[in-house]
Amino acid sequence: MQMVYPVYRLLSGMATLGLPLALTKWVSEYLGAKEYPQITALRKWAAQIVLVGAIIAGIFLIFVTPFLSRFIFTDPRVREALLVIALAIPFSALSAIYRGYFQGFSNTAPTAFSEITEQFSEVGVTFLLVCVAGPILSYSTYTYPLVGLTFGEIVCLVTLVCFLRRQKVIPANNGTSIPKPEIFSYSWPLLFK
């Protein structure tokens, strides 16, 4: 797990394009200016951009896994682990967007609660796989914590979406434009620092 986790965090972070922090800033500015339809439009736009980037990052990882496991890590156990965490990248990246969105409202409860549900489900699934399903399944026991991590990221995203449905914001109308390109002037420097 320690071998593949840096690859996972790097690709997951790159897939977000630094937008979660920029989203926090712009949501709070739109909130202060009472431009509520812009908030919804910005969240939807950021989620779409990050979802596409995360899917591309996950597919990229799947294709470079044979090379990484053979020439970089030189451990055959890494191949299976890299393939599993490739599935977690879209869930992790979208969770980061929604956390940034809620933090723009100064609402940290969704972030805190999603972290708790993520950790409980990650540890629980890993425990069940190692102790109960381990002898039955043909996968390496080194992969089970990464399956738990992937499941935890899914639960985290589901938790944030549940909070999102309870969020009261005026929806974007059809005439609302996409966010200004200046959002990238905030996101990209944060991404590369």
Protein backbone atom coordinates (compact mmCIF):
# COMPACT_ATOMS: atom_id res chain seq x y z
CA MET A 1 0.00 0.00 0.00
CA GLN A 2 2.81 2.42 0.82
CA MET A 3 4.26 1.86 -2.64
CA VAL A 4 1.12 2.75 -4.59
CA TYR A 5 -0.46 5.35 -2.31
CA PRO A 6 1.79 8.21 -3.53
CA VAL A 7 0.82 7.40 -7.14
CA TYR A 8 -2.84 7.46 -6.13
CA ARG A 9 -2.60 10.80 -4.33
CA LEU A 10 -0.58 12.37 -7.15
CA LEU A 11 -3.06 11.39 -9.86
CA SER A 12 -6.07 12.19 -7.71
CA GLY A 13 -4.67 15.62 -6.91
CA MET A 14 -3.78 16.33 -10.52
CA ALA A 15 -7.27 15.29 -11.63
CA THR A 16 -8.79 18.03 -9.48
CA LEU A 17 -6.69 20.70 -11.24
CA GLY A 18 -6.53 22.56 -7.94
CA LEU A 19 -10.21 23.44 -8.31
CA PRO A 20 -11.37 22.52 -4.76
CA LEU A 21 -9.48 25.44 -3.21
CA ALA A 22 -10.48 27.83 -5.98
CA LEU A 23 -14.07 26.63 -5.64
CA THR A 24 -14.02 27.48 -1.93
CA LYS A 25 -12.88 31.02 -2.72
CA TRP A 26 -15.36 31.63 -5.54
CA VAL A 27 -18.33 30.12 -3.70
CA SER A 28 -17.67 32.39 -0.73
CA GLU A 29 -17.35 35.42 -3.02
CA TYR A 30 -20.57 34.61 -4.89
CA LEU A 31 -22.28 34.01 -1.55
CA GLY A 32 -21.14 37.40 -0.27
CA ALA A 33 -22.35 39.09 -3.47
CA LYS A 34 -25.65 37.16 -3.28
CA GLU A 35 -25.07 35.67 -6.75
CA TYR A 36 -26.69 32.38 -5.80
CA PRO A 37 -27.32 31.01 -9.31
CA GLN A 38 -23.59 31.40 -10.04
CA ILE A 39 -22.77 29.13 -7.08
CA THR A 40 -24.78 26.24 -8.48
CA ALA A 41 -23.41 26.77 -11.98
CA LEU A 42 -19.86 26.86 -10.64
CA ARG A 43 -20.30 23.64 -8.64
CA LYS A 44 -21.75 21.77 -11.60
CA TRP A 45 -19.06 23.05 -13.95
CA ALA A 46 -16.24 22.13 -11.54
CA ALA A 47 -17.70 18.67 -10.95
CA GLN A 48 -17.90 18.00 -14.68
CA ILE A 49 -14.35 19.21 -15.36
CA VAL A 50 -12.92 17.18 -12.47
CA LEU A 51 -14.90 14.06 -13.35
CA VAL A 52 -13.49 14.08 -16.87
CA GLY A 53 -9.96 14.68 -15.54
CA ALA A 54 -10.33 11.92 -12.96
CA ILE A 55 -11.59 9.39 -15.48
CA ILE A 56 -8.67 10.24 -17.76
CA ALA A 57 -6.24 9.87 -14.81
CA GLY A 58 -7.75 6.50 -13.87
CA ILE A 59 -7.56 5.19 -17.43
CA PHE A 60 -3.99 6.48 -17.70
CA LEU A 61 -3.05 4.59 -14.55
CA ILE A 62 -4.61 1.40 -15.87
CA PHE A 63 -2.56 1.65 -19.06
CA VAL A 64 0.75 2.47 -17.35
CA THR A 65 0.32 -0.11 -14.58
CA PRO A 66 2.24 -2.87 -16.40
CA PHE A 67 5.18 -0.51 -16.92
CA LEU A 68 5.10 0.80 -13.35
CA SER A 69 4.85 -2.63 -11.76
CA ARG A 70 7.61 -4.09 -13.89
CA PHE A 71 10.20 -1.33 -14.19
CA ILE A 72 9.54 1.24 -11.46
CA PHE A 73 8.32 -0.71 -8.44
CA THR A 74 9.70 -4.11 -9.54
CA ASP A 75 7.22 -5.95 -7.36
CA PRO A 76 4.44 -8.05 -8.93
CA ARG A 77 2.06 -7.28 -6.05
CA VAL A 78 1.96 -3.65 -7.11
CA ARG A 79 0.17 -4.39 -10.38
CA GLU A 80 -3.01 -5.60 -8.70
CA ALA A 81 -2.89 -2.72 -6.21
CA LEU A 82 -2.48 -0.05 -8.91
CA LEU A 83 -5.45 -1.41 -10.83
CA VAL A 84 -7.63 -1.24 -7.72
CA ILE A 85 -6.72 2.34 -6.83
CA ALA A 86 -7.31 3.47 -10.41
CA LEU A 87 -11.00 2.93 -9.62
CA ALA A 88 -10.82 5.20 -6.55
CA ILE A 89 -9.49 8.28 -8.37
CA PRO A 90 -12.83 9.61 -9.72
CA PHE A 91 -14.53 9.21 -6.34
CA SER A 92 -11.68 10.92 -4.51
CA ALA A 93 -11.52 13.82 -6.95
CA LEU A 94 -15.28 14.47 -6.87
CA SER A 95 -15.24 14.30 -3.08
CA ALA A 96 -12.58 17.01 -3.06
CA ILE A 97 -14.78 19.24 -5.24
CA TYR A 98 -17.79 18.86 -2.97
CA ARG A 99 -15.68 19.47 0.13
CA GLY A 100 -14.38 22.67 -1.44
CA TYR A 101 -17.95 23.66 -2.28
CA PHE A 102 -19.18 23.21 1.28
CA GLN A 103 -16.15 24.98 2.72
CA GLY A 104 -17.06 27.98 0.56
CA PHE A 105 -20.21 28.20 2.68
CA SER A 106 -18.07 27.85 5.84
CA ASN A 107 -19.89 24.58 6.43
CA THR A 108 -17.39 22.02 7.66
CA ALA A 109 -19.95 19.46 8.86
CA PRO A 110 -20.18 17.66 5.48
CA THR A 111 -16.39 17.39 5.27
CA ALA A 112 -16.08 16.11 8.82
CA PHE A 113 -18.93 13.65 8.53
CA SER A 114 -17.71 12.36 5.16
CA GLU A 115 -14.23 11.80 6.63
CA ILE A 116 -15.73 9.78 9.48
CA THR A 117 -17.91 7.64 7.20
CA GLU A 118 -14.98 7.16 4.83
CA GLN A 119 -12.66 5.92 7.57
CA PHE A 120 -15.21 3.62 9.20
CA SER A 121 -16.15 2.02 5.89
CA GLU A 122 -12.52 1.75 4.77
CA VAL A 123 -11.43 0.02 7.97
CA GLY A 124 -14.56 -2.14 8.09
CA VAL A 125 -14.28 -3.38 4.52
CA THR A 126 -10.55 -4.04 4.92
CA PHE A 127 -11.19 -5.99 8.13
CA LEU A 128 -13.92 -8.08 6.50
CA LEU A 129 -11.78 -8.82 3.47
CA VAL A 130 -8.71 -9.81 5.47
CA CYS A 131 -10.49 -11.82 8.15
CA VAL A 132 -13.55 -13.25 6.42
CA ALA A 133 -13.17 -13.20 2.65
CA GLY A 134 -9.37 -13.47 2.53
CA PRO A 135 -9.21 -17.26 2.50
CA ILE A 136 -11.99 -17.49 -0.09
CA LEU A 137 -10.85 -14.88 -2.62
CA SER A 138 -7.86 -15.33 -4.87
CA TYR A 139 -6.55 -11.78 -4.51
CA SER A 140 -3.41 -10.88 -2.66
CA THR A 141 -3.98 -9.77 0.94
CA TYR A 142 -1.88 -6.71 0.11
CA THR A 143 -4.69 -5.52 -2.15
CA TYR A 144 -7.45 -5.67 0.46
CA PRO A 145 -6.59 -2.34 2.15
CA LEU A 146 -6.77 -0.69 -1.26
CA VAL A 147 -10.16 -2.23 -1.92
CA GLY A 148 -11.17 -0.78 1.45
CA LEU A 149 -9.74 2.60 0.42
CA THR A 150 -11.75 2.52 -2.81
CA PHE A 151 -14.92 1.58 -0.96
CA GLY A 152 -14.22 4.36 1.56
CA GLU A 153 -13.92 6.92 -1.23
CA ILE A 154 -17.27 5.79 -2.65
CA VAL A 155 -18.94 6.10 0.77
CA CYS A 156 -17.33 9.54 1.23
CA LEU A 157 -18.77 10.76 -2.08
CA VAL A 158 -22.21 9.34 -1.30
CA THR A 159 -22.15 11.11 2.08
CA LEU A 160 -21.28 14.43 0.45
CA VAL A 161 -24.00 13.99 -2.18
CA CYS A 162 -26.53 13.41 0.63
CA PHE A 163 -25.45 16.68 2.20
CA LEU A 164 -25.61 18.35 -1.20
CA ARG A 165 -29.25 17.39 -1.60
CA ARG A 166 -30.03 19.13 1.70
CA GLN A 167 -28.15 22.31 0.70
CA LYS A 168 -30.48 25.22 0.00
CA VAL A 169 -29.17 27.30 -2.89
CA ILE A 170 -31.10 28.91 -5.70
CA PRO A 171 -30.54 26.70 -8.75
CA ALA A 172 -28.79 28.01 -11.82
CA ASN A 173 -31.06 29.16 -14.60
CA ASN A 174 -30.36 28.38 -18.23
CA GLY A 175 -28.98 31.86 -18.83
CA THR A 176 -26.22 31.50 -16.23
CA SER A 177 -22.83 31.41 -17.84
CA ILE A 178 -19.99 29.11 -16.95
CA PRO A 179 -17.46 30.49 -14.50
CA LYS A 180 -14.96 33.03 -15.61
CA PRO A 181 -11.55 31.73 -16.70
CA GLU A 182 -10.01 33.53 -13.72
CA ILE A 183 -10.85 30.50 -11.61
CA PHE A 184 -7.80 28.80 -13.09
CA SER A 185 -5.59 31.68 -11.99
CA TYR A 186 -6.44 30.56 -8.46
CA SER A 187 -6.46 26.81 -8.96
CA TRP A 188 -3.32 26.15 -11.01
CA PRO A 189 -0.80 27.94 -8.75
CA LEU A 190 -2.27 26.06 -5.78
CA LEU A 191 -1.99 22.78 -7.66
CA PHE A 192 1.68 23.19 -8.51
CA LYS A 193 2.90 24.50 -5.14
